Structure formats: structure tokens, C-alpha cells
Amino acid sequence: MPKKIMVVDDDPAIVEFLTSLFKDNGYETCSASDGSLALEVLEREKPDLLTLDLEMPEEWGPRFYRKFSQKPEFKELPVIVISGLSGIHLAIRKAVATVNKPFDPKQVLEIVKNTIGS
């Protein structure tokens, strides 16, 4: 069964690009456009890894992270922060990686493969 990656970003072009990249490399995907919707999708889809933008309407990435990481079933869920903000490596200290936008797709895929396999 393929691993599932959830993309949380308010930019539809980024969501489309990342979900296509992951699907083309054998992963299942799901997505949410902001932190308030993301919790519902997360609980329904139970992904193996999450990519998270920090600056989104409705609910910021760090706030969403705090909410879901307090739930026992998601405490160990690996997160890759992908954001255009500076200082992103400080936003979510337990993130397996932080990647600045614009990003190199090969770098993101390598992080994913090193984290959850292919």
C-alpha cells in the first residue's frame, strides 16, 4: 500500500504541483487549503507525512501543528515545513525539514523518501 502525503498550503498552484510530484513518484495524496480545514482532512485521511505552509488565512501553520500534535495518534507524524517566510526553521522545531519557497522538487522528494521511504 503506498504511503500517503498530505499537502497543507493556501496556494492552489503549490498544492497542485506537490500533489502531482508525489503522485508521479508513487505516493497517495490529500490536501487542505488552510489549517482550519486541515484538521478534518488529517483525521479522515491519516497520512504518513505532512507538508505544511506557515502563512495561511484562517489558521497559521504553527497553530495547526500545535493542535494536531497534541493528539496521540498524530504526535509522531513527520512534518516538512515549506514556506516563503524567513526564519522558518524556528517555527516548528520538530519538523523533519524546512524548505524555502521557491523550492527544488528533487530536494523535497529526497526528504520525503528519507523520512517515509518510497
PDB file of N, CA and C in Angstrom:
ATOM      1  N   MET A   1       0.845  -1.188   0.000  1.00  0.00           N
ATOM      2  CA  MET A   1       0.000   0.000   0.000  1.00  0.00           C
ATOM      3  C   MET A   1       0.891   1.252   0.000  1.00  0.00           C
ATOM      4  N   PRO A   2       0.644   2.184  -0.927  1.00  0.00           N
ATOM      5  CA  PRO A   2       1.502   3.371  -0.994  1.00  0.00           C
ATOM      6  C   PRO A   2       1.342   4.265   0.236  1.00  0.00           C
ATOM      7  N   LYS A   3       2.416   4.962   0.566  1.00  0.00           N
ATOM      8  CA  LYS A   3       2.379   5.919   1.670  1.00  0.00           C
ATOM      9  C   LYS A   3       1.582   7.131   1.208  1.00  0.00           C
ATOM     10  N   LYS A   4       0.943   7.805   2.186  1.00  0.00           N
ATOM     11  CA  LYS A   4       0.108   8.958   1.863  1.00  0.00           C
ATOM     12  C   LYS A   4       0.735  10.232   2.414  1.00  0.00           C
ATOM     13  N   ILE A   5       0.749  11.265   1.572  1.00  0.00           N
ATOM     14  CA  ILE A   5       1.289  12.567   1.952  1.00  0.00           C
ATOM     15  C   ILE A   5       0.174  13.602   1.881  1.00  0.00           C
ATOM     16  N   MET A   6       0.063  14.391   2.932  1.00  0.00           N
ATOM     17  CA  MET A   6      -0.915  15.472   2.970  1.00  0.00           C
ATOM     18  C   MET A   6      -0.199  16.799   2.743  1.00  0.00           C
ATOM     19  N   VAL A   7      -0.732  17.592   1.814  1.00  0.00           N
ATOM     20  CA  VAL A   7      -0.187  18.905   1.499  1.00  0.00           C
ATOM     21  C   VAL A   7      -1.125  19.963   2.067  1.00  0.00           C
ATOM     22  N   VAL A   8      -0.594  20.820   2.945  1.00  0.00           N
ATOM     23  CA  VAL A   8      -1.392  21.906   3.517  1.00  0.00           C
ATOM     24  C   VAL A   8      -0.764  23.217   3.061  1.00  0.00           C
ATOM     25  N   ASP A   9      -1.469  23.912   2.162  1.00  0.00           N
ATOM     26  CA  ASP A   9      -0.971  25.175   1.610  1.00  0.00           C
ATOM     27  C   ASP A   9      -2.159  25.938   1.043  1.00  0.00           C
ATOM     28  N   ASP A  10      -2.150  27.265   1.181  1.00  0.00           N
ATOM     29  CA  ASP A  10      -3.264  28.059   0.674  1.00  0.00           C
ATOM     30  C   ASP A  10      -3.107  28.440  -0.793  1.00  0.00           C
ATOM     31  N   ASP A  11      -1.957  28.136  -1.380  1.00  0.00           N
ATOM     32  CA  ASP A  11      -1.713  28.454  -2.784  1.00  0.00           C
ATOM     33  C   ASP A  11      -2.087  27.236  -3.638  1.00  0.00           C
ATOM     34  N   PRO A  12      -3.170  27.334  -4.425  1.00  0.00           N
ATOM     35  CA  PRO A  12      -3.612  26.182  -5.220  1.00  0.00           C
ATOM     36  C   PRO A  12      -2.540  25.665  -6.184  1.00  0.00           C
ATOM     37  N   ALA A  13      -1.686  26.546  -6.694  1.00  0.00           N
ATOM     38  CA  ALA A  13      -0.633  26.114  -7.619  1.00  0.00           C
ATOM     39  C   ALA A  13       0.392  25.244  -6.898  1.00  0.00           C
ATOM     40  N   ILE A  14       0.723  25.594  -5.663  1.00  0.00           N
ATOM     41  CA  ILE A  14       1.674  24.790  -4.874  1.00  0.00           C
ATOM     42  C   ILE A  14       1.053  23.431  -4.545  1.00  0.00           C
ATOM     43  N   VAL A  15      -0.215  23.447  -4.134  1.00  0.00           N
ATOM     44  CA  VAL A  15      -0.912  22.187  -3.816  1.00  0.00           C
ATOM     45  C   VAL A  15      -0.919  21.283  -5.041  1.00  0.00           C
ATOM     46  N   GLU A  16      -1.283  21.832  -6.182  1.00  0.00           N
ATOM     47  CA  GLU A  16      -1.335  21.052  -7.425  1.00  0.00           C
ATOM     48  C   GLU A  16       0.046  20.512  -7.788  1.00  0.00           C
ATOM     49  N   PHE A  17       1.072  21.359  -7.681  1.00  0.00           N
ATOM     50  CA  PHE A  17       2.429  20.941  -8.026  1.00  0.00           C
ATOM     51  C   PHE A  17       2.907  19.819  -7.109  1.00  0.00           C
ATOM     52  N   LEU A  18       2.750  20.006  -5.792  1.00  0.00           N
ATOM     53  CA  LEU A  18       3.237  18.996  -4.841  1.00  0.00           C
ATOM     54  C   LEU A  18       2.455  17.691  -4.939  1.00  0.00           C
ATOM     55  N   THR A  19       1.133  17.775  -5.045  1.00  0.00           N
ATOM     56  CA  THR A  19       0.364  16.529  -5.136  1.00  0.00           C
ATOM     57  C   THR A  19       0.718  15.774  -6.422  1.00  0.00           C
ATOM     58  N   SER A  20       0.926  16.493  -7.529  1.00  0.00           N
ATOM     59  CA  SER A  20       1.336  15.837  -8.778  1.00  0.00           C
ATOM     60  C   SER A  20       2.720  15.211  -8.631  1.00  0.00           C
ATOM     61  N   LEU A  21       3.643  15.949  -8.028  1.00  0.00           N
ATOM     62  CA  LEU A  21       5.001  15.437  -7.803  1.00  0.00           C
ATOM     63  C   LEU A  21       4.958  14.143  -6.992  1.00  0.00           C
ATOM     64  N   PHE A  22       4.187  14.151  -5.921  1.00  0.00           N
ATOM     65  CA  PHE A  22       4.118  12.966  -5.057  1.00  0.00           C
ATOM     66  C   PHE A  22       3.416  11.803  -5.757  1.00  0.00           C
ATOM     67  N   LYS A  23       2.315  12.082  -6.449  1.00  0.00           N
ATOM     68  CA  LYS A  23       1.606  11.022  -7.173  1.00  0.00           C
ATOM     69  C   LYS A  23       2.489  10.401  -8.248  1.00  0.00           C
ATOM     70  N   ASP A  24       3.223  11.255  -8.977  1.00  0.00           N
ATOM     71  CA  ASP A  24       4.117  10.769 -10.035  1.00  0.00           C
ATOM     72  C   ASP A  24       5.233   9.882  -9.480  1.00  0.00           C
ATOM     73  N   ASN A  25       5.470   9.980  -8.187  1.00  0.00           N
ATOM     74  CA  ASN A  25       6.518   9.178  -7.552  1.00  0.00           C
ATOM     75  C   ASN A  25       5.948   8.078  -6.658  1.00  0.00           C
ATOM     76  N   GLY A  26       4.670   7.726  -6.891  1.00  0.00           N
ATOM     77  CA  GLY A  26       4.084   6.555  -6.258  1.00  0.00           C
ATOM     78  C   GLY A  26       3.410   6.760  -4.914  1.00  0.00           C
ATOM     79  N   TYR A  27       3.213   8.004  -4.497  1.00  0.00           N
ATOM     80  CA  TYR A  27       2.554   8.260  -3.215  1.00  0.00           C
ATOM     81  C   TYR A  27       1.088   8.600  -3.434  1.00  0.00           C
ATOM     82  N   GLU A  28       0.271   8.301  -2.435  1.00  0.00           N
ATOM     83  CA  GLU A  28      -1.098   8.803  -2.428  1.00  0.00           C
ATOM     84  C   GLU A  28      -1.044  10.194  -1.822  1.00  0.00           C
ATOM     85  N   THR A  29      -2.033  11.029  -2.132  1.00  0.00           N
ATOM     86  CA  THR A  29      -2.036  12.379  -1.581  1.00  0.00           C
ATOM     87  C   THR A  29      -3.421  12.802  -1.116  1.00  0.00           C
ATOM     88  N   CYS A  30      -3.413  13.795  -0.262  1.00  0.00           N
ATOM     89  CA  CYS A  30      -4.615  14.511   0.121  1.00  0.00           C
ATOM     90  C   CYS A  30      -4.150  15.928   0.436  1.00  0.00           C
ATOM     91  N   SER A  31      -5.077  16.868   0.525  1.00  0.00           N
ATOM     92  CA  SER A  31      -4.649  18.244   0.742  1.00  0.00           C
ATOM     93  C   SER A  31      -5.720  19.058   1.460  1.00  0.00           C
ATOM     94  N   ALA A  32      -5.276  20.209   1.976  1.00  0.00           N
ATOM     95  CA  ALA A  32      -6.173  21.180   2.591  1.00  0.00           C
ATOM     96  C   ALA A  32      -5.594  22.566   2.332  1.00  0.00           C
ATOM     97  N   SER A  33      -6.490  23.546   2.174  1.00  0.00           N
ATOM     98  CA  SER A  33      -6.036  24.892   1.812  1.00  0.00           C
ATOM     99  C   SER A  33      -5.753  25.792   3.004  1.00  0.00           C
ATOM    100  N   ASP A  34      -6.086  25.351   4.202  1.00  0.00           N
ATOM    101  CA  ASP A  34      -5.701  26.114   5.392  1.00  0.00           C
ATOM    102  C   ASP A  34      -5.809  25.243   6.633  1.00  0.00           C
ATOM    103  N   GLY A  35      -5.283  25.753   7.727  1.00  0.00           N
ATOM    104  CA  GLY A  35      -5.217  24.981   8.964  1.00  0.00           C
ATOM    105  C   GLY A  35      -6.561  24.594   9.540  1.00  0.00           C
ATOM    106  N   SER A  36      -7.591  25.409   9.302  1.00  0.00           N
ATOM    107  CA  SER A  36      -8.889  25.073   9.881  1.00  0.00           C
ATOM    108  C   SER A  36      -9.513  23.862   9.184  1.00  0.00           C
ATOM    109  N   LEU A  37      -9.320  23.734   7.877  1.00  0.00           N
ATOM    110  CA  LEU A  37      -9.819  22.558   7.141  1.00  0.00           C
ATOM    111  C   LEU A  37      -8.903  21.349   7.336  1.00  0.00           C
ATOM    112  N   ALA A  38      -7.638  21.631   7.560  1.00  0.00           N
ATOM    113  CA  ALA A  38      -6.627  20.571   7.577  1.00  0.00           C
ATOM    114  C   ALA A  38      -6.855  19.538   8.673  1.00  0.00           C
ATOM    115  N   LEU A  39      -7.335  19.957   9.826  1.00  0.00           N
ATOM    116  CA  LEU A  39      -7.541  19.016  10.928  1.00  0.00           C
ATOM    117  C   LEU A  39      -8.566  17.946  10.542  1.00  0.00           C
ATOM    118  N   GLU A  40      -9.621  18.377   9.892  1.00  0.00           N
ATOM    119  CA  GLU A  40     -10.668  17.451   9.434  1.00  0.00           C
ATOM    120  C   GLU A  40     -10.097  16.446   8.415  1.00  0.00           C
ATOM    121  N   VAL A  41      -9.335  16.951   7.449  1.00  0.00           N
ATOM    122  CA  VAL A  41      -8.737  16.092   6.424  1.00  0.00           C
ATOM    123  C   VAL A  41      -7.724  15.142   7.070  1.00  0.00           C
ATOM    124  N   LEU A  42      -6.921  15.663   7.976  1.00  0.00           N
ATOM    125  CA  LEU A  42      -5.911  14.859   8.663  1.00  0.00           C
ATOM    126  C   LEU A  42      -6.543  13.676   9.387  1.00  0.00           C
ATOM    127  N   GLU A  43      -7.619  13.941  10.130  1.00  0.00           N
ATOM    128  CA  GLU A  43      -8.276  12.873  10.894  1.00  0.00           C
ATOM    129  C   GLU A  43      -8.937  11.848   9.982  1.00  0.00           C
ATOM    130  N   ARG A  44      -9.443  12.291   8.840  1.00  0.00           N
ATOM    131  CA  ARG A  44     -10.102  11.374   7.906  1.00  0.00           C
ATOM    132  C   ARG A  44      -9.083  10.558   7.104  1.00  0.00           C
ATOM    133  N   GLU A  45      -8.017  11.193   6.632  1.00  0.00           N
ATOM    134  CA  GLU A  45      -7.070  10.557   5.717  1.00  0.00           C
ATOM    135  C   GLU A  45      -5.905   9.829   6.389  1.00  0.00           C
ATOM    136  N   LYS A  46      -5.530  10.249   7.593  1.00  0.00           N
ATOM    137  CA  LYS A  46      -4.416   9.649   8.353  1.00  0.00           C
ATOM    138  C   LYS A  46      -3.148   9.471   7.501  1.00  0.00           C
ATOM    139  N   PRO A  47      -2.569  10.588   7.031  1.00  0.00           N
ATOM    140  CA  PRO A  47      -1.377  10.497   6.174  1.00  0.00           C
ATOM    141  C   PRO A  47      -0.144  10.019   6.938  1.00  0.00           C
ATOM    142  N   ASP A  48       0.869   9.619   6.164  1.00  0.00           N
ATOM    143  CA  ASP A  48       2.145   9.175   6.737  1.00  0.00           C
ATOM    144  C   ASP A  48       3.120  10.339   6.909  1.00  0.00           C
ATOM    145  N   LEU A  49       2.857  11.441   6.202  1.00  0.00           N
ATOM    146  CA  LEU A  49       3.723  12.623   6.260  1.00  0.00           C
ATOM    147  C   LEU A  49       2.895  13.827   5.847  1.00  0.00           C
ATOM    148  N   LEU A  50       3.293  14.990   6.330  1.00  0.00           N
ATOM    149  CA  LEU A  50       2.556  16.217   6.054  1.00  0.00           C
ATOM    150  C   LEU A  50       3.527  17.295   5.591  1.00  0.00           C
ATOM    151  N   THR A  51       3.184  18.005   4.501  1.00  0.00           N
ATOM    152  CA  THR A  51       3.944  19.215   4.156  1.00  0.00           C
ATOM    153  C   THR A  51       3.074  20.385   4.598  1.00  0.00           C
ATOM    154  N   LEU A  52       3.705  21.388   5.199  1.00  0.00           N
ATOM    155  CA  LEU A  52       2.935  22.449   5.843  1.00  0.00           C
ATOM    156  C   LEU A  52       3.485  23.826   5.509  1.00  0.00           C
ATOM    157  N   ASP A  53       2.620  24.661   4.960  1.00  0.00           N
ATOM    158  CA  ASP A  53       2.925  26.068   4.773  1.00  0.00           C
ATOM    159  C   ASP A  53       2.688  26.758   6.113  1.00  0.00           C
ATOM    160  N   LEU A  54       3.389  27.845   6.374  1.00  0.00           N
ATOM    161  CA  LEU A  54       3.220  28.533   7.655  1.00  0.00           C
ATOM    162  C   LEU A  54       2.196  29.645   7.588  1.00  0.00           C
ATOM    163  N   GLU A  55       2.229  30.433   6.521  1.00  0.00           N
ATOM    164  CA  GLU A  55       1.374  31.612   6.434  1.00  0.00           C
ATOM    165  C   GLU A  55       0.157  31.314   5.575  1.00  0.00           C
ATOM    166  N   MET A  56      -0.997  31.154   6.249  1.00  0.00           N
ATOM    167  CA  MET A  56      -2.235  30.836   5.542  1.00  0.00           C
ATOM    168  C   MET A  56      -3.379  31.619   6.177  1.00  0.00           C
ATOM    169  N   PRO A  57      -4.454  31.861   5.412  1.00  0.00           N
ATOM    170  CA  PRO A  57      -5.620  32.509   6.014  1.00  0.00           C
ATOM    171  C   PRO A  57      -6.301  31.539   6.978  1.00  0.00           C
ATOM    172  N   GLU A  58      -7.184  32.037   7.756  1.00  0.00           N
ATOM    173  CA  GLU A  58      -7.954  31.249   8.728  1.00  0.00           C
ATOM    174  C   GLU A  58      -7.101  30.774   9.895  1.00  0.00           C
ATOM    175  N   GLU A  59      -6.092  29.963   9.611  1.00  0.00           N
ATOM    176  CA  GLU A  59      -5.273  29.451  10.707  1.00  0.00           C
ATOM    177  C   GLU A  59      -3.840  29.226  10.249  1.00  0.00           C
ATOM    178  N   TRP A  60      -2.917  29.782  10.984  1.00  0.00           N
ATOM    179  CA  TRP A  60      -1.491  29.661  10.665  1.00  0.00           C
ATOM    180  C   TRP A  60      -1.013  28.232  10.833  1.00  0.00           C
ATOM    181  N   GLY A  61       0.005  27.875  10.060  1.00  0.00           N
ATOM    182  CA  GLY A  61       0.603  26.548  10.140  1.00  0.00           C
ATOM    183  C   GLY A  61       1.050  26.146  11.538  1.00  0.00           C
ATOM    184  N   PRO A  62       1.791  27.018  12.269  1.00  0.00           N
ATOM    185  CA  PRO A  62       2.233  26.636  13.619  1.00  0.00           C
ATOM    186  C   PRO A  62       1.076  26.353  14.575  1.00  0.00           C
ATOM    187  N   ARG A  63      -0.006  27.086  14.440  1.00  0.00           N
ATOM    188  CA  ARG A  63      -1.164  26.862  15.314  1.00  0.00           C
ATOM    189  C   ARG A  63      -1.822  25.512  14.988  1.00  0.00           C
ATOM    190  N   PHE A  64      -1.965  25.229  13.690  1.00  0.00           N
ATOM    191  CA  PHE A  64      -2.498  23.941  13.265  1.00  0.00           C
ATOM    192  C   PHE A  64      -1.601  22.815  13.775  1.00  0.00           C
ATOM    193  N   TYR A  65      -0.289  22.994  13.646  1.00  0.00           N
ATOM    194  CA  TYR A  65       0.664  21.987  14.127  1.00  0.00           C
ATOM    195  C   TYR A  65       0.465  21.724  15.618  1.00  0.00           C
ATOM    196  N   ARG A  66       0.360  22.777  16.409  1.00  0.00           N
ATOM    197  CA  ARG A  66       0.154  22.601  17.862  1.00  0.00           C
ATOM    198  C   ARG A  66      -1.116  21.803  18.152  1.00  0.00           C
ATOM    199  N   LYS A  67      -2.174  22.106  17.421  1.00  0.00           N
ATOM    200  CA  LYS A  67      -3.447  21.404  17.635  1.00  0.00           C
ATOM    201  C   LYS A  67      -3.327  19.909  17.344  1.00  0.00           C
ATOM    202  N   PHE A  68      -2.821  19.578  16.141  1.00  0.00           N
ATOM    203  CA  PHE A  68      -2.822  18.157  15.786  1.00  0.00           C
ATOM    204  C   PHE A  68      -1.746  17.373  16.517  1.00  0.00           C
ATOM    205  N   SER A  69      -0.629  17.998  16.862  1.00  0.00           N
ATOM    206  CA  SER A  69       0.460  17.246  17.505  1.00  0.00           C
ATOM    207  C   SER A  69       0.159  16.926  18.964  1.00  0.00           C
ATOM    208  N   GLN A  70      -0.895  17.506  19.507  1.00  0.00           N
ATOM    209  CA  GLN A  70      -1.307  17.157  20.869  1.00  0.00           C
ATOM    210  C   GLN A  70      -2.156  15.893  20.884  1.00  0.00           C
ATOM    211  N   LYS A  71      -2.633  15.494  19.727  1.00  0.00           N
ATOM    212  CA  LYS A  71      -3.423  14.266  19.645  1.00  0.00           C
ATOM    213  C   LYS A  71      -2.464  13.075  19.575  1.00  0.00           C
ATOM    214  N   PRO A  72      -2.667  12.072  20.427  1.00  0.00           N
ATOM    215  CA  PRO A  72      -1.734  10.934  20.481  1.00  0.00           C
ATOM    216  C   PRO A  72      -1.482  10.267  19.136  1.00  0.00           C
ATOM    217  N   GLU A  73      -2.497  10.135  18.292  1.00  0.00           N
ATOM    218  CA  GLU A  73      -2.324   9.427  17.018  1.00  0.00           C
ATOM    219  C   GLU A  73      -1.487  10.214  16.005  1.00  0.00           C
ATOM    220  N   PHE A  74      -1.283  11.511  16.235  1.00  0.00           N
ATOM    221  CA  PHE A  74      -0.513  12.330  15.298  1.00  0.00           C
ATOM    222  C   PHE A  74       0.764  12.899  15.909  1.00  0.00           C
ATOM    223  N   LYS A  75       1.056  12.530  17.122  1.00  0.00           N
ATOM    224  CA  LYS A  75       2.216  13.076  17.834  1.00  0.00           C
ATOM    225  C   LYS A  75       3.530  12.848  17.084  1.00  0.00           C
ATOM    226  N   GLU A  76       3.662  11.700  16.417  1.00  0.00           N
ATOM    227  CA  GLU A  76       4.900  11.349  15.716  1.00  0.00           C
ATOM    228  C   GLU A  76       4.837  11.578  14.204  1.00  0.00           C
ATOM    229  N   LEU A  77       3.770  12.226  13.720  1.00  0.00           N
ATOM    230  CA  LEU A  77       3.618  12.457  12.287  1.00  0.00           C
ATOM    231  C   LEU A  77       4.730  13.381  11.775  1.00  0.00           C
ATOM    232  N   PRO A  78       5.545  12.914  10.806  1.00  0.00           N
ATOM    233  CA  PRO A  78       6.610  13.769  10.284  1.00  0.00           C
ATOM    234  C   PRO A  78       6.043  14.948   9.495  1.00  0.00           C
ATOM    235  N   VAL A  79       6.639  16.120   9.703  1.00  0.00           N
ATOM    236  CA  VAL A  79       6.207  17.342   9.040  1.00  0.00           C
ATOM    237  C   VAL A  79       7.386  17.971   8.305  1.00  0.00           C
ATOM    238  N   ILE A  80       7.149  18.351   7.055  1.00  0.00           N
ATOM    239  CA  ILE A  80       8.116  19.143   6.290  1.00  0.00           C
ATOM    240  C   ILE A  80       7.494  20.531   6.132  1.00  0.00           C
ATOM    241  N   VAL A  81       8.147  21.539   6.672  1.00  0.00           N
ATOM    242  CA  VAL A  81       7.666  22.914   6.513  1.00  0.00           C
ATOM    243  C   VAL A  81       8.152  23.428   5.167  1.00  0.00           C
ATOM    244  N   ILE A  82       7.211  23.928   4.343  1.00  0.00           N
ATOM    245  CA  ILE A  82       7.544  24.530   3.054  1.00  0.00           C
ATOM    246  C   ILE A  82       6.915  25.915   3.051  1.00  0.00           C
ATOM    247  N   SER A  83       7.754  26.946   3.137  1.00  0.00           N
ATOM    248  CA  SER A  83       7.226  28.300   3.296  1.00  0.00           C
ATOM    249  C   SER A  83       8.137  29.334   2.659  1.00  0.00           C
ATOM    250  N   GLY A  84       7.552  30.466   2.334  1.00  0.00           N
ATOM    251  CA  GLY A  84       8.318  31.587   1.801  1.00  0.00           C
ATOM    252  C   GLY A  84       8.793  32.533   2.884  1.00  0.00           C
ATOM    253  N   LEU A  85       8.396  32.298   4.125  1.00  0.00           N
ATOM    254  CA  LEU A  85       8.800  33.169   5.224  1.00  0.00           C
ATOM    255  C   LEU A  85      10.252  32.934   5.612  1.00  0.00           C
ATOM    256  N   SER A  86      10.897  33.959   6.107  1.00  0.00           N
ATOM    257  CA  SER A  86      12.262  33.767   6.619  1.00  0.00           C
ATOM    258  C   SER A  86      12.174  33.249   8.050  1.00  0.00           C
ATOM    259  N   GLY A  87      13.219  32.600   8.502  1.00  0.00           N
ATOM    260  CA  GLY A  87      13.245  32.055   9.861  1.00  0.00           C
ATOM    261  C   GLY A  87      12.331  30.862  10.060  1.00  0.00           C
ATOM    262  N   ILE A  88      11.987  30.176   8.975  1.00  0.00           N
ATOM    263  CA  ILE A  88      11.015  29.084   9.080  1.00  0.00           C
ATOM    264  C   ILE A  88      11.543  27.908   9.889  1.00  0.00           C
ATOM    265  N   HIS A  89      12.858  27.772   9.965  1.00  0.00           N
ATOM    266  CA  HIS A  89      13.422  26.650  10.722  1.00  0.00           C
ATOM    267  C   HIS A  89      13.104  26.775  12.214  1.00  0.00           C
ATOM    268  N   LEU A  90      12.671  27.942  12.646  1.00  0.00           N
ATOM    269  CA  LEU A  90      12.347  28.156  14.058  1.00  0.00           C
ATOM    270  C   LEU A  90      10.865  27.932  14.369  1.00  0.00           C
ATOM    271  N   ALA A  91      10.033  27.920  13.342  1.00  0.00           N
ATOM    272  CA  ALA A  91       8.584  27.895  13.553  1.00  0.00           C
ATOM    273  C   ALA A  91       8.092  26.582  14.155  1.00  0.00           C
ATOM    274  N   ILE A  92       8.568  25.471  13.648  1.00  0.00           N
ATOM    275  CA  ILE A  92       8.147  24.164  14.136  1.00  0.00           C
ATOM    276  C   ILE A  92       9.411  23.359  14.380  1.00  0.00           C
ATOM    277  N   ARG A  93       9.854  23.353  15.593  1.00  0.00           N
ATOM    278  CA  ARG A  93      11.147  22.764  15.938  1.00  0.00           C
ATOM    279  C   ARG A  93      11.232  21.265  15.662  1.00  0.00           C
ATOM    280  N   LYS A  94      10.107  20.562  15.704  1.00  0.00           N
ATOM    281  CA  LYS A  94      10.124  19.109  15.482  1.00  0.00           C
ATOM    282  C   LYS A  94       9.980  18.738  14.006  1.00  0.00           C
ATOM    283  N   ALA A  95       9.944  19.722  13.124  1.00  0.00           N
ATOM    284  CA  ALA A  95       9.835  19.434  11.687  1.00  0.00           C
ATOM    285  C   ALA A  95      11.049  18.623  11.242  1.00  0.00           C
ATOM    286  N   VAL A  96      10.821  17.624  10.378  1.00  0.00           N
ATOM    287  CA  VAL A  96      11.934  16.813   9.885  1.00  0.00           C
ATOM    288  C   VAL A  96      12.804  17.617   8.926  1.00  0.00           C
ATOM    289  N   ALA A  97      12.214  18.669   8.321  1.00  0.00           N
ATOM    290  CA  ALA A  97      12.960  19.544   7.422  1.00  0.00           C
ATOM    291  C   ALA A  97      12.185  20.832   7.215  1.00  0.00           C
ATOM    292  N   THR A  98      12.925  21.869   6.842  1.00  0.00           N
ATOM    293  CA  THR A  98      12.299  23.126   6.439  1.00  0.00           C
ATOM    294  C   THR A  98      12.842  23.478   5.060  1.00  0.00           C
ATOM    295  N   VAL A  99      11.940  23.832   4.163  1.00  0.00           N
ATOM    296  CA  VAL A  99      12.296  24.120   2.782  1.00  0.00           C
ATOM    297  C   VAL A  99      11.717  25.481   2.422  1.00  0.00           C
ATOM    298  N   ASN A 100      12.560  26.351   1.874  1.00  0.00           N
ATOM    299  CA  ASN A 100      12.099  27.677   1.470  1.00  0.00           C
ATOM    300  C   ASN A 100      11.492  27.649   0.079  1.00  0.00           C
ATOM    301  N   LYS A 101      10.419  28.408  -0.105  1.00  0.00           N
ATOM    302  CA  LYS A 101       9.850  28.621  -1.434  1.00  0.00           C
ATOM    303  C   LYS A 101      10.668  29.734  -2.086  1.00  0.00           C
ATOM    304  N   PRO A 102      10.940  29.690  -3.361  1.00  0.00           N
ATOM    305  CA  PRO A 102      10.704  28.559  -4.254  1.00  0.00           C
ATOM    306  C   PRO A 102      11.632  27.400  -3.902  1.00  0.00           C
ATOM    307  N   PHE A 103      11.164  26.186  -4.121  1.00  0.00           N
ATOM    308  CA  PHE A 103      11.922  25.014  -3.694  1.00  0.00           C
ATOM    309  C   PHE A 103      12.304  24.138  -4.877  1.00  0.00           C
ATOM    310  N   ASP A 104      13.270  23.282  -4.625  1.00  0.00           N
ATOM    311  CA  ASP A 104      13.721  22.312  -5.614  1.00  0.00           C
ATOM    312  C   ASP A 104      12.919  21.023  -5.395  1.00  0.00           C
ATOM    313  N   PRO A 105      12.115  20.605  -6.376  1.00  0.00           N
ATOM    314  CA  PRO A 105      11.300  19.398  -6.211  1.00  0.00           C
ATOM    315  C   PRO A 105      12.125  18.162  -5.848  1.00  0.00           C
ATOM    316  N   LYS A 106      13.331  18.055  -6.404  1.00  0.00           N
ATOM    317  CA  LYS A 106      14.184  16.902  -6.096  1.00  0.00           C
ATOM    318  C   LYS A 106      14.560  16.888  -4.622  1.00  0.00           C
ATOM    319  N   GLN A 107      14.813  18.064  -4.061  1.00  0.00           N
ATOM    320  CA  GLN A 107      15.151  18.152  -2.636  1.00  0.00           C
ATOM    321  C   GLN A 107      13.965  17.699  -1.775  1.00  0.00           C
ATOM    322  N   VAL A 108      12.780  18.149  -2.126  1.00  0.00           N
ATOM    323  CA  VAL A 108      11.579  17.766  -1.367  1.00  0.00           C
ATOM    324  C   VAL A 108      11.363  16.257  -1.450  1.00  0.00           C
ATOM    325  N   LEU A 109      11.484  15.696  -2.645  1.00  0.00           N
ATOM    326  CA  LEU A 109      11.317  14.241  -2.816  1.00  0.00           C
ATOM    327  C   LEU A 109      12.356  13.460  -2.018  1.00  0.00           C
ATOM    328  N   GLU A 110      13.568  13.936  -2.006  1.00  0.00           N
ATOM    329  CA  GLU A 110      14.621  13.252  -1.252  1.00  0.00           C
ATOM    330  C   GLU A 110      14.306  13.254   0.238  1.00  0.00           C
ATOM    331  N   ILE A 111      13.828  14.369   0.747  1.00  0.00           N
ATOM    332  CA  ILE A 111      13.456  14.456   2.170  1.00  0.00           C
ATOM    333  C   ILE A 111      12.332  13.465   2.463  1.00  0.00           C
ATOM    334  N   VAL A 112      11.325  13.433   1.580  1.00  0.00           N
ATOM    335  CA  VAL A 112      10.195  12.507   1.756  1.00  0.00           C
ATOM    336  C   VAL A 112      10.689  11.068   1.766  1.00  0.00           C
ATOM    337  N   LYS A 113      11.504  10.696   0.797  1.00  0.00           N
ATOM    338  CA  LYS A 113      11.996   9.316   0.710  1.00  0.00           C
ATOM    339  C   LYS A 113      12.849   8.943   1.923  1.00  0.00           C
ATOM    340  N   ASN A 114      13.659   9.875   2.386  1.00  0.00           N
ATOM    341  CA  ASN A 114      14.489   9.620   3.570  1.00  0.00           C
ATOM    342  C   ASN A 114      13.641   9.510   4.837  1.00  0.00           C
ATOM    343  N   THR A 115      12.484  10.124   4.838  1.00  0.00           N
ATOM    344  CA  THR A 115      11.635  10.138   6.018  1.00  0.00           C
ATOM    345  C   THR A 115      10.668   8.960   6.073  1.00  0.00           C
ATOM    346  N   ILE A 116       9.970   8.689   4.962  1.00  0.00           N
ATOM    347  CA  ILE A 116       8.952   7.618   4.988  1.00  0.00           C
ATOM    348  C   ILE A 116       9.207   6.506   3.971  1.00  0.00           C
ATOM    349  N   GLY A 117      10.279   6.605   3.210  1.00  0.00           N
ATOM    350  CA  GLY A 117      10.539   5.584   2.192  1.00  0.00           C
ATOM    351  C   GLY A 117       9.794   5.899   0.906  1.00  0.00           C
ATOM    352  N   SER A 118       9.899   4.990  -0.068  1.00  0.00           N
ATOM    353  CA  SER A 118       9.231   5.276  -1.352  1.00  0.00           C
ATOM    354  C   SER A 118       8.114   4.308  -1.622  1.00  0.00           C
TER     355      SER A 118
END
